[in-house]
Amino acid sequence: MATSYGLDLGITQTTLIIILLVTQLVAFPFTLIYGRLAKSFGTKPLILTAIFIYIIICIYAVFMKTTTDFWILAILVGTSQGGIQALSRSYYGKLIPKERSNEFYGFYNIFGKFSAIMGPALMGFITQLTGKTSYGVTSLIVLFVIGGILFLFVKEDRTVEKRGVRL
């Protein structure tokens, strides 16, 4: 959906491809940084931090007007994208029973696909309703807030922490 918003801002397709590539290049080192920070501060606080950063990104999207703004947004996305994906997957792996991991990762993937439909559908609906792509992006805050609140209620397994792995 980022490319739709970029096109609405008047950014060329070539520039959009370069920006999306830079997002991936930024995401790689930040994935490693998130992993290191998780060892010090715990996985759950870092996932919540990444959700908070995504909320800030959605708010920033309302005020974007230029290609430079889009570059800033793309770099901000890169700072959390890889980290939240890696940490959430490993956190999930620590919570599920090992003997049923295939089944649980099946659910994980299904919900991932569902979110890949729900986010763009919400964004598209709000964009269509308001006529502004920036409001469509901002509507995603609802999903991040709901996800963050639900995540706060996830009980951590203390046995994992006793084995020397801090969640």
Protein backbone atom coordinates (compact mmCIF):
# COMPACT_ATOMS: atom_id res chain seq x y z
CA MET A 1 0.00 0.00 0.00
CA ALA A 2 3.01 2.28 0.40
CA THR A 3 3.40 2.53 -3.35
CA SER A 4 -0.20 3.74 -3.75
CA TYR A 5 0.47 6.49 -1.24
CA GLY A 6 3.77 7.35 -2.93
CA LEU A 7 2.06 7.60 -6.32
CA ASP A 8 -0.54 9.92 -4.76
CA LEU A 9 2.33 12.15 -3.62
CA GLY A 10 3.65 12.25 -7.18
CA ILE A 11 6.67 10.02 -6.64
CA THR A 12 7.80 8.14 -9.76
CA GLN A 13 7.71 4.35 -9.89
CA THR A 14 11.50 4.16 -10.21
CA THR A 15 11.98 6.28 -7.09
CA LEU A 16 9.41 4.17 -5.23
CA ILE A 17 11.31 0.99 -6.09
CA ILE A 18 14.55 2.54 -4.81
CA ILE A 19 12.82 3.75 -1.63
CA LEU A 20 11.36 0.29 -0.96
CA LEU A 21 14.79 -1.25 -1.50
CA VAL A 22 16.33 1.20 0.97
CA THR A 23 13.61 0.25 3.48
CA GLN A 24 14.79 -3.37 3.26
CA LEU A 25 18.44 -2.35 3.56
CA VAL A 26 17.64 -0.33 6.69
CA ALA A 27 15.54 -3.18 8.11
CA PHE A 28 18.42 -5.68 8.06
CA PRO A 29 20.75 -3.98 10.59
CA PHE A 30 17.79 -2.92 12.73
CA THR A 31 16.68 -6.54 12.94
CA LEU A 32 20.06 -7.33 14.48
CA ILE A 33 19.83 -4.29 16.77
CA TYR A 34 16.39 -5.38 18.00
CA GLY A 35 17.78 -8.85 18.69
CA ARG A 36 20.62 -7.45 20.79
CA LEU A 37 18.34 -5.06 22.64
CA ALA A 38 15.91 -7.91 23.36
CA LYS A 39 18.69 -9.67 25.26
CA SER A 40 19.02 -6.65 27.54
CA PHE A 41 15.45 -5.40 27.83
CA GLY A 42 13.33 -8.40 26.92
CA THR A 43 11.40 -9.33 23.81
CA LYS A 44 7.98 -8.13 24.88
CA PRO A 45 9.03 -4.51 25.60
CA LEU A 46 10.77 -4.33 22.23
CA ILE A 47 7.76 -5.64 20.35
CA LEU A 48 5.64 -3.00 22.12
CA THR A 49 8.24 -0.37 21.20
CA ALA A 50 8.04 -1.39 17.54
CA ILE A 51 4.23 -1.17 17.67
CA PHE A 52 4.55 2.32 19.16
CA ILE A 53 6.97 3.33 16.39
CA TYR A 54 4.48 2.09 13.80
CA ILE A 55 1.80 4.27 15.42
CA ILE A 56 4.14 7.27 15.12
CA ILE A 57 4.76 6.33 11.47
CA CYS A 58 1.01 6.31 10.80
CA ILE A 59 0.62 9.74 12.42
CA TYR A 60 3.59 11.08 10.44
CA ALA A 61 1.95 9.86 7.24
CA VAL A 62 -0.87 12.38 7.66
CA PHE A 63 1.56 15.28 7.32
CA MET A 64 3.60 14.00 4.37
CA LYS A 65 3.73 16.25 1.36
CA THR A 66 7.06 15.65 -0.38
CA THR A 67 9.32 12.90 -1.65
CA THR A 68 11.67 13.68 1.24
CA ASP A 69 8.84 12.98 3.69
CA PHE A 70 8.27 9.65 1.98
CA TRP A 71 11.99 8.81 2.28
CA ILE A 72 11.84 9.59 6.01
CA LEU A 73 8.75 7.42 6.38
CA ALA A 74 10.40 4.53 4.53
CA ILE A 75 13.49 4.70 6.74
CA LEU A 76 11.31 4.79 9.87
CA VAL A 77 9.45 1.69 8.64
CA GLY A 78 12.80 -0.02 8.09
CA THR A 79 13.81 0.67 11.69
CA SER A 80 10.96 -1.47 13.00
CA GLN A 81 9.90 -3.79 10.20
CA GLY A 82 12.52 -6.51 10.51
CA GLY A 83 12.77 -6.24 14.27
CA ILE A 84 9.08 -6.69 14.95
CA GLN A 85 8.83 -9.60 12.53
CA ALA A 86 11.81 -11.47 13.97
CA LEU A 87 10.98 -10.81 17.61
CA SER A 88 7.29 -11.64 17.30
CA ARG A 89 8.06 -14.93 15.58
CA SER A 90 10.65 -15.95 18.17
CA TYR A 91 8.42 -14.81 21.04
CA TYR A 92 5.58 -16.86 19.62
CA GLY A 93 7.90 -19.85 19.31
CA LYS A 94 8.70 -19.61 23.01
CA LEU A 95 5.03 -19.55 23.97
CA ILE A 96 3.73 -22.51 21.98
CA PRO A 97 4.13 -26.16 22.94
CA LYS A 98 7.06 -27.67 21.02
CA GLU A 99 5.19 -30.88 20.22
CA ARG A 100 2.46 -28.87 18.44
CA SER A 101 4.63 -26.19 16.81
CA ASN A 102 3.60 -27.09 13.24
CA GLU A 103 -0.05 -26.64 14.11
CA PHE A 104 0.56 -23.36 15.95
CA TYR A 105 2.77 -21.92 13.21
CA GLY A 106 -0.02 -22.80 10.78
CA PHE A 107 -2.31 -20.52 12.80
CA TYR A 108 0.43 -17.89 12.89
CA ASN A 109 0.67 -17.91 9.11
CA ILE A 110 -3.10 -17.82 8.63
CA PHE A 111 -3.39 -14.77 10.89
CA GLY A 112 -0.50 -13.17 9.01
CA LYS A 113 -2.40 -13.63 5.75
CA PHE A 114 -5.55 -12.29 7.37
CA SER A 115 -3.71 -9.14 8.44
CA ALA A 116 -2.34 -8.76 4.90
CA ILE A 117 -5.97 -8.52 3.78
CA MET A 118 -7.43 -6.58 6.71
CA GLY A 119 -4.86 -3.75 6.75
CA PRO A 120 -5.12 -2.86 3.06
CA ALA A 121 -8.93 -3.30 3.17
CA LEU A 122 -9.20 -0.86 6.09
CA MET A 123 -6.81 1.56 4.44
CA GLY A 124 -8.66 1.34 1.13
CA PHE A 125 -12.06 1.78 2.78
CA ILE A 126 -10.99 4.87 4.73
CA THR A 127 -9.17 6.30 1.69
CA GLN A 128 -12.30 5.80 -0.41
CA LEU A 129 -14.49 7.30 2.32
CA THR A 130 -12.33 10.39 2.90
CA GLY A 131 -10.64 10.77 -0.47
CA LYS A 132 -7.25 11.06 1.27
CA THR A 133 -4.67 8.28 1.28
CA SER A 134 -3.03 9.79 4.36
CA TYR A 135 -6.20 9.18 6.37
CA GLY A 136 -6.25 5.61 5.11
CA VAL A 137 -2.73 5.08 6.47
CA THR A 138 -3.71 6.72 9.76
CA SER A 139 -6.63 4.31 10.13
CA LEU A 140 -4.08 1.52 10.63
CA ILE A 141 -3.42 2.96 14.09
CA VAL A 142 -6.59 1.19 15.22
CA LEU A 143 -5.06 -2.18 14.33
CA PHE A 144 -1.76 -1.38 16.06
CA VAL A 145 -3.54 -0.21 19.22
CA ILE A 146 -5.77 -3.30 19.34
CA GLY A 147 -2.77 -5.57 18.70
CA GLY A 148 -0.70 -3.80 21.37
CA ILE A 149 -3.46 -4.01 23.96
CA LEU A 150 -4.05 -7.70 23.24
CA PHE A 151 -0.31 -8.33 23.40
CA LEU A 152 -0.15 -6.72 26.87
CA PHE A 153 -2.36 -9.55 28.13
CA VAL A 154 -0.10 -12.32 26.84
CA LYS A 155 1.26 -14.19 29.83
CA GLU A 156 4.96 -14.87 29.68
CA ASP A 157 6.23 -18.37 30.44
CA ARG A 158 8.47 -18.00 33.48
CA THR A 159 10.07 -21.41 32.87
CA VAL A 160 11.72 -20.03 29.76
CA GLU A 161 13.15 -17.16 31.80
CA LYS A 162 14.49 -19.63 34.40
CA ARG A 163 16.40 -21.50 31.67
CA GLY A 164 18.44 -18.36 31.06
CA VAL A 165 16.44 -16.98 28.16
CA ARG A 166 14.80 -13.71 28.99
CA LEU A 167 11.52 -12.89 27.20
